[in-house]
Amino acid sequence: MSNYQIGAFEALQWAWYMLRDYRDQTSGVDEARRTIQEVLADMGKGTEVNFREELSSAALPP
């Protein structure tokens, strides 16, 4: 599997856990969506994001 495929899977996994984590909070899914959009916009500007690190730092289940 290429690095791109691994990164894409981890990005989807991160987004899924962000949505699950935020859905029961007052700010809800809208806050998760904003966060996901900001990260994707940063990636579009060339910023590298390590989603494996993001998942572990968020203390979300792998």
N, C-alpha and C. Protein backbone atom coordinates (compact mmCIF):
# COMPACT_ATOMS: atom_id res chain seq x y z
N MET A 1 0.85 -1.18 0.00
CA MET A 1 0.00 0.00 0.00
C MET A 1 0.90 1.24 0.00
N SER A 2 0.58 2.21 -0.81
CA SER A 2 1.40 3.42 -0.90
C SER A 2 1.15 4.33 0.31
N ASN A 3 2.06 5.27 0.52
CA ASN A 3 1.90 6.23 1.61
C ASN A 3 0.62 7.04 1.44
N TYR A 4 0.29 7.38 0.18
CA TYR A 4 -0.92 8.15 -0.08
C TYR A 4 -2.16 7.38 0.39
N GLN A 5 -2.21 6.08 0.08
CA GLN A 5 -3.37 5.29 0.47
C GLN A 5 -3.47 5.19 1.99
N ILE A 6 -2.34 5.02 2.65
CA ILE A 6 -2.35 4.95 4.11
C ILE A 6 -2.81 6.30 4.67
N GLY A 7 -2.28 7.40 4.14
CA GLY A 7 -2.66 8.73 4.60
C GLY A 7 -4.13 9.02 4.37
N ALA A 8 -4.65 8.60 3.23
CA ALA A 8 -6.07 8.83 2.93
C ALA A 8 -6.95 8.06 3.91
N PHE A 9 -6.59 6.82 4.20
CA PHE A 9 -7.37 6.03 5.15
C PHE A 9 -7.33 6.68 6.53
N GLU A 10 -6.15 7.10 6.97
CA GLU A 10 -6.04 7.73 8.28
C GLU A 10 -6.81 9.05 8.34
N ALA A 11 -6.83 9.79 7.24
CA ALA A 11 -7.60 11.04 7.20
C ALA A 11 -9.09 10.76 7.35
N LEU A 12 -9.57 9.75 6.65
CA LEU A 12 -10.99 9.38 6.78
C LEU A 12 -11.31 8.89 8.18
N GLN A 13 -10.40 8.10 8.74
CA GLN A 13 -10.59 7.60 10.10
C GLN A 13 -10.63 8.77 11.08
N TRP A 14 -9.73 9.73 10.93
CA TRP A 14 -9.68 10.90 11.80
C TRP A 14 -10.99 11.69 11.70
N ALA A 15 -11.46 11.92 10.47
CA ALA A 15 -12.70 12.67 10.27
C ALA A 15 -13.88 11.94 10.91
N TRP A 16 -13.93 10.63 10.75
CA TRP A 16 -15.00 9.82 11.34
C TRP A 16 -15.02 9.96 12.86
N TYR A 17 -13.85 9.85 13.49
CA TYR A 17 -13.78 9.96 14.94
C TYR A 17 -14.07 11.38 15.41
N MET A 18 -13.68 12.38 14.62
CA MET A 18 -14.02 13.76 14.97
C MET A 18 -15.54 13.93 15.01
N LEU A 19 -16.22 13.44 13.99
CA LEU A 19 -17.68 13.55 13.94
C LEU A 19 -18.32 12.78 15.08
N ARG A 20 -17.84 11.59 15.37
CA ARG A 20 -18.39 10.80 16.48
C ARG A 20 -18.17 11.48 17.81
N ASP A 21 -16.98 12.06 18.00
CA ASP A 21 -16.63 12.69 19.27
C ASP A 21 -17.47 13.94 19.51
N TYR A 22 -17.69 14.73 18.47
CA TYR A 22 -18.40 16.00 18.62
C TYR A 22 -19.91 15.87 18.61
N ARG A 23 -20.46 14.78 18.13
CA ARG A 23 -21.91 14.70 17.93
C ARG A 23 -22.71 14.85 19.22
N ASP A 24 -22.14 14.44 20.37
CA ASP A 24 -22.87 14.52 21.63
C ASP A 24 -22.56 15.79 22.41
N GLN A 25 -21.70 16.65 21.87
CA GLN A 25 -21.35 17.89 22.55
C GLN A 25 -22.31 19.00 22.12
N THR A 26 -22.34 20.06 22.91
CA THR A 26 -23.23 21.18 22.62
C THR A 26 -22.96 21.78 21.25
N SER A 27 -21.67 21.92 20.91
CA SER A 27 -21.32 22.51 19.62
C SER A 27 -21.66 21.58 18.46
N GLY A 28 -21.75 20.30 18.77
CA GLY A 28 -22.21 19.32 17.81
C GLY A 28 -21.36 19.13 16.57
N VAL A 29 -22.00 18.58 15.58
CA VAL A 29 -21.33 18.19 14.35
C VAL A 29 -20.81 19.41 13.59
N ASP A 30 -21.44 20.57 13.77
CA ASP A 30 -20.98 21.78 13.07
C ASP A 30 -19.54 22.12 13.44
N GLU A 31 -19.20 21.99 14.71
CA GLU A 31 -17.83 22.27 15.15
C GLU A 31 -16.86 21.26 14.55
N ALA A 32 -17.24 20.01 14.53
CA ALA A 32 -16.38 18.98 13.91
C ALA A 32 -16.20 19.28 12.43
N ARG A 33 -17.26 19.65 11.77
CA ARG A 33 -17.18 19.96 10.34
C ARG A 33 -16.24 21.14 10.09
N ARG A 34 -16.34 22.18 10.94
CA ARG A 34 -15.44 23.33 10.80
C ARG A 34 -13.99 22.92 10.97
N THR A 35 -13.73 22.09 11.99
CA THR A 35 -12.37 21.63 12.25
C THR A 35 -11.84 20.82 11.07
N ILE A 36 -12.66 19.92 10.56
CA ILE A 36 -12.25 19.09 9.42
C ILE A 36 -11.98 19.97 8.21
N GLN A 37 -12.85 20.94 7.95
CA GLN A 37 -12.66 21.84 6.80
C GLN A 37 -11.38 22.66 6.94
N GLU A 38 -11.08 23.12 8.16
CA GLU A 38 -9.85 23.89 8.38
C GLU A 38 -8.62 23.04 8.09
N VAL A 39 -8.62 21.81 8.56
CA VAL A 39 -7.48 20.93 8.33
C VAL A 39 -7.33 20.64 6.83
N LEU A 40 -8.44 20.36 6.16
CA LEU A 40 -8.38 20.10 4.72
C LEU A 40 -7.93 21.34 3.94
N ALA A 41 -8.36 22.52 4.38
CA ALA A 41 -7.92 23.75 3.72
C ALA A 41 -6.42 23.95 3.91
N ASP A 42 -5.93 23.67 5.12
CA ASP A 42 -4.49 23.76 5.37
C ASP A 42 -3.73 22.78 4.48
N MET A 43 -4.27 21.58 4.33
CA MET A 43 -3.62 20.59 3.46
C MET A 43 -3.60 21.10 2.02
N GLY A 44 -4.66 21.76 1.61
CA GLY A 44 -4.72 22.31 0.26
C GLY A 44 -3.67 23.39 0.03
N LYS A 45 -3.23 24.02 1.12
CA LYS A 45 -2.18 25.05 1.03
C LYS A 45 -0.79 24.43 1.10
N GLY A 46 -0.73 23.11 1.24
CA GLY A 46 0.56 22.43 1.26
C GLY A 46 1.04 21.99 2.63
N THR A 47 0.27 22.26 3.66
CA THR A 47 0.65 21.84 5.01
C THR A 47 0.51 20.33 5.12
N GLU A 48 1.55 19.67 5.64
CA GLU A 48 1.47 18.23 5.84
C GLU A 48 0.82 17.94 7.19
N VAL A 49 -0.08 16.99 7.20
CA VAL A 49 -0.78 16.60 8.42
C VAL A 49 -0.54 15.12 8.65
N ASN A 50 -0.11 14.78 9.86
CA ASN A 50 0.10 13.39 10.22
C ASN A 50 -1.16 12.93 10.97
N PHE A 51 -2.06 12.27 10.24
CA PHE A 51 -3.33 11.89 10.85
C PHE A 51 -3.16 10.80 11.90
N ARG A 52 -2.14 9.99 11.78
CA ARG A 52 -1.86 8.98 12.82
C ARG A 52 -1.57 9.70 14.13
N GLU A 53 -0.78 10.78 14.04
CA GLU A 53 -0.47 11.59 15.22
C GLU A 53 -1.72 12.31 15.73
N GLU A 54 -2.52 12.83 14.81
CA GLU A 54 -3.76 13.50 15.19
C GLU A 54 -4.69 12.55 15.94
N LEU A 55 -4.79 11.33 15.47
CA LEU A 55 -5.65 10.34 16.13
C LEU A 55 -5.17 10.04 17.53
N SER A 56 -3.85 9.86 17.69
CA SER A 56 -3.34 9.51 19.01
C SER A 56 -3.40 10.70 19.96
N SER A 57 -3.18 11.92 19.46
CA SER A 57 -3.22 13.09 20.34
C SER A 57 -4.65 13.43 20.75
N ALA A 58 -5.62 13.02 19.96
CA ALA A 58 -7.02 13.28 20.30
C ALA A 58 -7.56 12.27 21.30
N ALA A 59 -6.76 11.27 21.62
CA ALA A 59 -7.16 10.21 22.56
C ALA A 59 -8.43 9.52 22.11
N LEU A 60 -8.55 9.33 20.82
CA LEU A 60 -9.70 8.64 20.26
C LEU A 60 -9.33 7.19 20.03
N PRO A 61 -10.28 6.30 20.10
CA PRO A 61 -9.96 4.89 19.88
C PRO A 61 -9.48 4.66 18.45
N PRO A 62 -8.42 3.85 18.26
CA PRO A 62 -7.91 3.61 16.91
C PRO A 62 -8.86 2.80 16.06
